[in-house]
Amino acid sequence: MNFTVTNLASFNGELIVSGLFTNAGGISAGYIARSNGQTWSPVGNGISGGGRVYALSFCNYELYAGGSFASNGGNAGD
């Protein structure tokens, strides 16, 4: 990570992290990334709009990110 991690969650056997970073393990990741224990990858298209993820959760096998951001992977955020 090139900056602070603020949230951690386990989802589908992967570690999901969010925070103030734009790079995870040398990969571009807009404030949210995942690791399978060997490599890092972005979660979708990441978070845009200079926002912040305050919480990570999951329900019915879907990951939810709550916070203040313009969009998450093309979906509008509040």
PDB file of N, CA and C in Angstrom:
ATOM      1  N   MET A   1       0.841  -1.166   0.000  1.00  0.00           N
ATOM      2  CA  MET A   1       0.000   0.000   0.000  1.00  0.00           C
ATOM      3  C   MET A   1       0.895   1.242   0.000  1.00  0.00           C
ATOM      4  N   ASN A   2       0.465   2.207  -0.758  1.00  0.00           N
ATOM      5  CA  ASN A   2       1.252   3.432  -0.771  1.00  0.00           C
ATOM      6  C   ASN A   2       0.737   4.473   0.223  1.00  0.00           C
ATOM      7  N   PHE A   3      -0.289   4.110   1.004  1.00  0.00           N
ATOM      8  CA  PHE A   3      -0.772   5.011   2.055  1.00  0.00           C
ATOM      9  C   PHE A   3      -1.609   4.203   3.042  1.00  0.00           C
ATOM     10  N   THR A   4      -2.373   4.856   3.877  1.00  0.00           N
ATOM     11  CA  THR A   4      -3.060   4.264   5.010  1.00  0.00           C
ATOM     12  C   THR A   4      -4.183   3.292   4.635  1.00  0.00           C
ATOM     13  N   VAL A   5      -4.250   2.162   5.348  1.00  0.00           N
ATOM     14  CA  VAL A   5      -5.370   1.221   5.287  1.00  0.00           C
ATOM     15  C   VAL A   5      -6.254   1.510   6.493  1.00  0.00           C
ATOM     16  N   THR A   6      -7.561   1.657   6.259  1.00  0.00           N
ATOM     17  CA  THR A   6      -8.476   1.994   7.351  1.00  0.00           C
ATOM     18  C   THR A   6      -9.496   0.900   7.662  1.00  0.00           C
ATOM     19  N   ASN A   7      -9.745  -0.015   6.716  1.00  0.00           N
ATOM     20  CA  ASN A   7     -10.734  -1.081   6.915  1.00  0.00           C
ATOM     21  C   ASN A   7     -10.216  -2.403   6.375  1.00  0.00           C
ATOM     22  N   LEU A   8     -10.578  -3.481   7.073  1.00  0.00           N
ATOM     23  CA  LEU A   8     -10.233  -4.837   6.656  1.00  0.00           C
ATOM     24  C   LEU A   8     -11.485  -5.698   6.721  1.00  0.00           C
ATOM     25  N   ALA A   9     -11.643  -6.598   5.758  1.00  0.00           N
ATOM     26  CA  ALA A   9     -12.747  -7.549   5.787  1.00  0.00           C
ATOM     27  C   ALA A   9     -12.307  -8.816   5.063  1.00  0.00           C
ATOM     28  N   SER A  10     -12.875  -9.922   5.447  1.00  0.00           N
ATOM     29  CA  SER A  10     -12.658 -11.186   4.759  1.00  0.00           C
ATOM     30  C   SER A  10     -13.908 -11.478   3.941  1.00  0.00           C
ATOM     31  N   PHE A  11     -13.717 -11.758   2.650  1.00  0.00           N
ATOM     32  CA  PHE A  11     -14.852 -11.979   1.760  1.00  0.00           C
ATOM     33  C   PHE A  11     -14.476 -12.992   0.697  1.00  0.00           C
ATOM     34  N   ASN A  12     -15.233 -14.063   0.578  1.00  0.00           N
ATOM     35  CA  ASN A  12     -14.982 -15.117  -0.419  1.00  0.00           C
ATOM     36  C   ASN A  12     -13.543 -15.621  -0.398  1.00  0.00           C
ATOM     37  N   GLY A  13     -12.976 -15.765   0.788  1.00  0.00           N
ATOM     38  CA  GLY A  13     -11.622 -16.283   0.926  1.00  0.00           C
ATOM     39  C   GLY A  13     -10.522 -15.290   0.612  1.00  0.00           C
ATOM     40  N   GLU A  14     -10.881 -14.028   0.429  1.00  0.00           N
ATOM     41  CA  GLU A  14      -9.896 -13.000   0.140  1.00  0.00           C
ATOM     42  C   GLU A  14      -9.920 -11.931   1.221  1.00  0.00           C
ATOM     43  N   LEU A  15      -8.804 -11.244   1.375  1.00  0.00           N
ATOM     44  CA  LEU A  15      -8.710 -10.095   2.262  1.00  0.00           C
ATOM     45  C   LEU A  15      -9.059  -8.856   1.456  1.00  0.00           C
ATOM     46  N   ILE A  16     -10.049  -8.110   1.923  1.00  0.00           N
ATOM     47  CA  ILE A  16     -10.447  -6.861   1.281  1.00  0.00           C
ATOM     48  C   ILE A  16      -9.982  -5.722   2.181  1.00  0.00           C
ATOM     49  N   VAL A  17      -9.316  -4.750   1.615  1.00  0.00           N
ATOM     50  CA  VAL A  17      -8.850  -3.594   2.381  1.00  0.00           C
ATOM     51  C   VAL A  17      -9.304  -2.320   1.679  1.00  0.00           C
ATOM     52  N   SER A  18      -9.555  -1.302   2.465  1.00  0.00           N
ATOM     53  CA  SER A  18      -9.856   0.012   1.906  1.00  0.00           C
ATOM     54  C   SER A  18      -9.118   1.050   2.726  1.00  0.00           C
ATOM     55  N   GLY A  19      -8.972   2.210   2.157  1.00  0.00           N
ATOM     56  CA  GLY A  19      -8.245   3.263   2.861  1.00  0.00           C
ATOM     57  C   GLY A  19      -7.920   4.420   1.953  1.00  0.00           C
ATOM     58  N   LEU A  20      -6.794   5.047   2.228  1.00  0.00           N
ATOM     59  CA  LEU A  20      -6.392   6.252   1.508  1.00  0.00           C
ATOM     60  C   LEU A  20      -5.330   5.971   0.448  1.00  0.00           C
ATOM     61  N   PHE A  21      -5.200   4.743   0.043  1.00  0.00           N
ATOM     62  CA  PHE A  21      -4.155   4.334  -0.900  1.00  0.00           C
ATOM     63  C   PHE A  21      -4.673   4.317  -2.339  1.00  0.00           C
ATOM     64  N   THR A  22      -3.770   4.431  -3.277  1.00  0.00           N
ATOM     65  CA  THR A  22      -4.101   4.316  -4.693  1.00  0.00           C
ATOM     66  C   THR A  22      -3.312   3.203  -5.367  1.00  0.00           C
ATOM     67  N   ASN A  23      -2.464   2.525  -4.586  1.00  0.00           N
ATOM     68  CA  ASN A  23      -1.612   1.468  -5.110  1.00  0.00           C
ATOM     69  C   ASN A  23      -1.515   0.346  -4.075  1.00  0.00           C
ATOM     70  N   ALA A  24      -1.727  -0.885  -4.523  1.00  0.00           N
ATOM     71  CA  ALA A  24      -1.622  -2.052  -3.639  1.00  0.00           C
ATOM     72  C   ALA A  24      -0.738  -3.097  -4.307  1.00  0.00           C
ATOM     73  N   GLY A  25       0.418  -3.346  -3.745  1.00  0.00           N
ATOM     74  CA  GLY A  25       1.327  -4.337  -4.309  1.00  0.00           C
ATOM     75  C   GLY A  25       1.768  -4.029  -5.722  1.00  0.00           C
ATOM     76  N   GLY A  26       1.907  -2.743  -6.043  1.00  0.00           N
ATOM     77  CA  GLY A  26       2.345  -2.353  -7.378  1.00  0.00           C
ATOM     78  C   GLY A  26       1.214  -2.263  -8.391  1.00  0.00           C
ATOM     79  N   ILE A  27      -0.024  -2.518  -7.961  1.00  0.00           N
ATOM     80  CA  ILE A  27      -1.188  -2.474  -8.842  1.00  0.00           C
ATOM     81  C   ILE A  27      -2.010  -1.232  -8.509  1.00  0.00           C
ATOM     82  N   SER A  28      -2.480  -0.533  -9.517  1.00  0.00           N
ATOM     83  CA  SER A  28      -3.344   0.617  -9.292  1.00  0.00           C
ATOM     84  C   SER A  28      -4.652   0.149  -8.674  1.00  0.00           C
ATOM     85  N   ALA A  29      -5.000   0.725  -7.533  1.00  0.00           N
ATOM     86  CA  ALA A  29      -6.223   0.350  -6.822  1.00  0.00           C
ATOM     87  C   ALA A  29      -6.802   1.598  -6.181  1.00  0.00           C
ATOM     88  N   GLY A  30      -7.952   2.022  -6.636  1.00  0.00           N
ATOM     89  CA  GLY A  30      -8.584   3.244  -6.151  1.00  0.00           C
ATOM     90  C   GLY A  30      -9.241   3.090  -4.799  1.00  0.00           C
ATOM     91  N   TYR A  31      -8.445   3.119  -3.751  1.00  0.00           N
ATOM     92  CA  TYR A  31      -8.897   3.139  -2.356  1.00  0.00           C
ATOM     93  C   TYR A  31      -9.480   1.824  -1.847  1.00  0.00           C
ATOM     94  N   ILE A  32      -9.568   0.799  -2.703  1.00  0.00           N
ATOM     95  CA  ILE A  32     -10.068  -0.499  -2.261  1.00  0.00           C
ATOM     96  C   ILE A  32      -9.385  -1.594  -3.082  1.00  0.00           C
ATOM     97  N   ALA A  33      -8.905  -2.637  -2.396  1.00  0.00           N
ATOM     98  CA  ALA A  33      -8.172  -3.704  -3.077  1.00  0.00           C
ATOM     99  C   ALA A  33      -8.437  -5.033  -2.379  1.00  0.00           C
ATOM    100  N   ARG A  34      -8.034  -6.109  -3.040  1.00  0.00           N
ATOM    101  CA  ARG A  34      -8.196  -7.443  -2.449  1.00  0.00           C
ATOM    102  C   ARG A  34      -6.933  -8.258  -2.666  1.00  0.00           C
ATOM    103  N   SER A  35      -6.734  -9.200  -1.762  1.00  0.00           N
ATOM    104  CA  SER A  35      -5.587 -10.092  -1.866  1.00  0.00           C
ATOM    105  C   SER A  35      -6.047 -11.524  -1.672  1.00  0.00           C
ATOM    106  N   ASN A  36      -5.522 -12.401  -2.507  1.00  0.00           N
ATOM    107  CA  ASN A  36      -5.808 -13.827  -2.352  1.00  0.00           C
ATOM    108  C   ASN A  36      -4.720 -14.509  -1.528  1.00  0.00           C
ATOM    109  N   GLY A  37      -3.857 -13.729  -0.927  1.00  0.00           N
ATOM    110  CA  GLY A  37      -2.754 -14.252  -0.132  1.00  0.00           C
ATOM    111  C   GLY A  37      -1.437 -14.273  -0.889  1.00  0.00           C
ATOM    112  N   GLN A  38      -1.501 -14.100  -2.202  1.00  0.00           N
ATOM    113  CA  GLN A  38      -0.288 -14.083  -3.011  1.00  0.00           C
ATOM    114  C   GLN A  38      -0.170 -12.834  -3.862  1.00  0.00           C
ATOM    115  N   THR A  39      -1.290 -12.344  -4.377  1.00  0.00           N
ATOM    116  CA  THR A  39      -1.260 -11.151  -5.213  1.00  0.00           C
ATOM    117  C   THR A  39      -2.381 -10.184  -4.816  1.00  0.00           C
ATOM    118  N   TRP A  40      -2.167  -8.917  -5.131  1.00  0.00           N
ATOM    119  CA  TRP A  40      -3.167  -7.877  -4.916  1.00  0.00           C
ATOM    120  C   TRP A  40      -3.844  -7.554  -6.234  1.00  0.00           C
ATOM    121  N   SER A  41      -5.110  -7.168  -6.166  1.00  0.00           N
ATOM    122  CA  SER A  41      -5.832  -6.702  -7.342  1.00  0.00           C
ATOM    123  C   SER A  41      -6.880  -5.688  -6.891  1.00  0.00           C
ATOM    124  N   PRO A  42      -7.292  -4.806  -7.811  1.00  0.00           N
ATOM    125  CA  PRO A  42      -8.321  -3.835  -7.437  1.00  0.00           C
ATOM    126  C   PRO A  42      -9.667  -4.537  -7.275  1.00  0.00           C
ATOM    127  N   VAL A  43     -10.562  -3.931  -6.542  1.00  0.00           N
ATOM    128  CA  VAL A  43     -11.935  -4.408  -6.442  1.00  0.00           C
ATOM    129  C   VAL A  43     -12.742  -3.610  -7.458  1.00  0.00           C
ATOM    130  N   GLY A  44     -13.177  -4.279  -8.499  1.00  0.00           N
ATOM    131  CA  GLY A  44     -13.887  -3.588  -9.577  1.00  0.00           C
ATOM    132  C   GLY A  44     -13.035  -2.486 -10.155  1.00  0.00           C
ATOM    133  N   ASN A  45     -13.647  -1.331 -10.352  1.00  0.00           N
ATOM    134  CA  ASN A  45     -12.926  -0.157 -10.846  1.00  0.00           C
ATOM    135  C   ASN A  45     -12.469   0.740  -9.719  1.00  0.00           C
ATOM    136  N   GLY A  46     -12.629   0.287  -8.472  1.00  0.00           N
ATOM    137  CA  GLY A  46     -12.217   1.072  -7.327  1.00  0.00           C
ATOM    138  C   GLY A  46     -13.208   2.170  -6.991  1.00  0.00           C
ATOM    139  N   ILE A  47     -12.796   3.038  -6.098  1.00  0.00           N
ATOM    140  CA  ILE A  47     -13.597   4.165  -5.632  1.00  0.00           C
ATOM    141  C   ILE A  47     -13.045   5.414  -6.294  1.00  0.00           C
ATOM    142  N   SER A  48     -13.919   6.282  -6.769  1.00  0.00           N
ATOM    143  CA  SER A  48     -13.437   7.508  -7.404  1.00  0.00           C
ATOM    144  C   SER A  48     -14.083   8.727  -6.762  1.00  0.00           C
ATOM    145  N   GLY A  49     -13.582   9.856  -7.112  1.00  0.00           N
ATOM    146  CA  GLY A  49     -14.118  11.102  -6.599  1.00  0.00           C
ATOM    147  C   GLY A  49     -13.447  11.563  -5.325  1.00  0.00           C
ATOM    148  N   GLY A  50     -12.252  11.015  -5.036  1.00  0.00           N
ATOM    149  CA  GLY A  50     -11.511  11.449  -3.864  1.00  0.00           C
ATOM    150  C   GLY A  50     -12.206  11.134  -2.556  1.00  0.00           C
ATOM    151  N   GLY A  51     -13.041  10.105  -2.565  1.00  0.00           N
ATOM    152  CA  GLY A  51     -13.818   9.770  -1.383  1.00  0.00           C
ATOM    153  C   GLY A  51     -13.087   8.898  -0.387  1.00  0.00           C
ATOM    154  N   ARG A  52     -13.840   8.447   0.568  1.00  0.00           N
ATOM    155  CA  ARG A  52     -13.300   7.611   1.625  1.00  0.00           C
ATOM    156  C   ARG A  52     -14.301   6.515   1.951  1.00  0.00           C
ATOM    157  N   VAL A  53     -13.801   5.297   2.116  1.00  0.00           N
ATOM    158  CA  VAL A  53     -14.628   4.173   2.537  1.00  0.00           C
ATOM    159  C   VAL A  53     -14.563   4.105   4.057  1.00  0.00           C
ATOM    160  N   TYR A  54     -15.725   4.158   4.710  1.00  0.00           N
ATOM    161  CA  TYR A  54     -15.786   4.107   6.166  1.00  0.00           C
ATOM    162  C   TYR A  54     -16.100   2.708   6.691  1.00  0.00           C
ATOM    163  N   ALA A  55     -16.691   1.860   5.839  1.00  0.00           N
ATOM    164  CA  ALA A  55     -17.083   0.527   6.303  1.00  0.00           C
ATOM    165  C   ALA A  55     -17.109  -0.454   5.146  1.00  0.00           C
ATOM    166  N   LEU A  56     -16.764  -1.695   5.441  1.00  0.00           N
ATOM    167  CA  LEU A  56     -16.876  -2.797   4.501  1.00  0.00           C
ATOM    168  C   LEU A  56     -17.758  -3.860   5.146  1.00  0.00           C
ATOM    169  N   SER A  57     -18.673  -4.421   4.369  1.00  0.00           N
ATOM    170  CA  SER A  57     -19.549  -5.457   4.886  1.00  0.00           C
ATOM    171  C   SER A  57     -19.985  -6.338   3.718  1.00  0.00           C
ATOM    172  N   PHE A  58     -20.609  -7.458   4.014  1.00  0.00           N
ATOM    173  CA  PHE A  58     -21.148  -8.273   2.956  1.00  0.00           C
ATOM    174  C   PHE A  58     -22.476  -8.873   3.392  1.00  0.00           C
ATOM    175  N   CYS A  59     -23.316  -9.128   2.387  1.00  0.00           N
ATOM    176  CA  CYS A  59     -24.634  -9.699   2.610  1.00  0.00           C
ATOM    177  C   CYS A  59     -25.010 -10.469   1.354  1.00  0.00           C
ATOM    178  N   ASN A  60     -25.504 -11.682   1.520  1.00  0.00           N
ATOM    179  CA  ASN A  60     -25.917 -12.512   0.376  1.00  0.00           C
ATOM    180  C   ASN A  60     -24.826 -12.606  -0.686  1.00  0.00           C
ATOM    181  N   TYR A  61     -23.586 -12.804  -0.253  1.00  0.00           N
ATOM    182  CA  TYR A  61     -22.432 -12.994  -1.137  1.00  0.00           C
ATOM    183  C   TYR A  61     -22.097 -11.774  -1.985  1.00  0.00           C
ATOM    184  N   GLU A  62     -22.500 -10.591  -1.526  1.00  0.00           N
ATOM    185  CA  GLU A  62     -22.138  -9.346  -2.199  1.00  0.00           C
ATOM    186  C   GLU A  62     -21.398  -8.452  -1.220  1.00  0.00           C
ATOM    187  N   LEU A  63     -20.352  -7.803  -1.712  1.00  0.00           N
ATOM    188  CA  LEU A  63     -19.555  -6.889  -0.907  1.00  0.00           C
ATOM    189  C   LEU A  63     -20.150  -5.489  -0.991  1.00  0.00           C
ATOM    190  N   TYR A  64     -20.253  -4.836   0.164  1.00  0.00           N
ATOM    191  CA  TYR A  64     -20.753  -3.468   0.233  1.00  0.00           C
ATOM    192  C   TYR A  64     -19.684  -2.578   0.848  1.00  0.00           C
ATOM    193  N   ALA A  65     -19.498  -1.417   0.244  1.00  0.00           N
ATOM    194  CA  ALA A  65     -18.585  -0.411   0.780  1.00  0.00           C
ATOM    195  C   ALA A  65     -19.423   0.823   1.094  1.00  0.00           C
ATOM    196  N   GLY A  66     -19.333   1.278   2.322  1.00  0.00           N
ATOM    197  CA  GLY A  66     -20.067   2.468   2.722  1.00  0.00           C
ATOM    198  C   GLY A  66     -19.114   3.619   2.952  1.00  0.00           C
ATOM    199  N   GLY A  67     -19.503   4.799   2.552  1.00  0.00           N
ATOM    200  CA  GLY A  67     -18.634   5.936   2.760  1.00  0.00           C
ATOM    201  C   GLY A  67     -19.075   7.163   2.014  1.00  0.00           C
ATOM    202  N   SER A  68     -18.121   7.996   1.722  1.00  0.00           N
ATOM    203  CA  SER A  68     -18.369   9.253   1.033  1.00  0.00           C
ATOM    204  C   SER A  68     -17.512   9.262  -0.218  1.00  0.00           C
ATOM    205  N   PHE A  69     -18.121   8.992  -1.368  1.00  0.00           N
ATOM    206  CA  PHE A  69     -17.373   8.928  -2.614  1.00  0.00           C
ATOM    207  C   PHE A  69     -18.321   9.177  -3.784  1.00  0.00           C
ATOM    208  N   ALA A  70     -17.756   9.572  -4.922  1.00  0.00           N
ATOM    209  CA  ALA A  70     -18.560   9.888  -6.105  1.00  0.00           C
ATOM    210  C   ALA A  70     -19.089   8.634  -6.777  1.00  0.00           C
ATOM    211  N   SER A  71     -18.277   7.596  -6.891  1.00  0.00           N
ATOM    212  CA  SER A  71     -18.734   6.340  -7.491  1.00  0.00           C
ATOM    213  C   SER A  71     -17.846   5.195  -7.051  1.00  0.00           C
ATOM    214  N   ASN A  72     -18.397   4.005  -7.171  1.00  0.00           N
ATOM    215  CA  ASN A  72     -17.646   2.781  -6.889  1.00  0.00           C
ATOM    216  C   ASN A  72     -17.865   1.820  -8.047  1.00  0.00           C
ATOM    217  N   GLY A  73     -16.885   1.727  -8.895  1.00  0.00           N
ATOM    218  CA  GLY A  73     -16.996   0.827 -10.034  1.00  0.00           C
ATOM    219  C   GLY A  73     -18.110   1.193 -10.997  1.00  0.00           C
ATOM    220  N   GLY A  74     -18.410   2.474 -11.096  1.00  0.00           N
ATOM    221  CA  GLY A  74     -19.451   2.920 -12.006  1.00  0.00           C
ATOM    222  C   GLY A  74     -20.798   3.131 -11.337  1.00  0.00           C
ATOM    223  N   ASN A  75     -20.936   2.763 -10.068  1.00  0.00           N
ATOM    224  CA  ASN A  75     -22.184   2.969  -9.329  1.00  0.00           C
ATOM    225  C   ASN A  75     -22.079   4.233  -8.506  1.00  0.00           C
ATOM    226  N   ALA A  76     -23.106   5.048  -8.537  1.00  0.00           N
ATOM    227  CA  ALA A  76     -23.105   6.303  -7.787  1.00  0.00           C
ATOM    228  C   ALA A  76     -23.051   6.024  -6.296  1.00  0.00           C
ATOM    229  N   GLY A  77     -22.363   6.883  -5.565  1.00  0.00           N
ATOM    230  CA  GLY A  77     -22.258   6.748  -4.109  1.00  0.00           C
ATOM    231  C   GLY A  77     -22.798   7.974  -3.407  1.00  0.00           C
ATOM    232  N   ASP A  78     -23.118   7.816  -2.130  1.00  0.00           N
ATOM    233  CA  ASP A  78     -23.571   8.938  -1.302  1.00  0.00           C
ATOM    234  C   ASP A  78     -22.724   9.024  -0.069  1.00  0.00           C
TER     235      ASP A  78
END
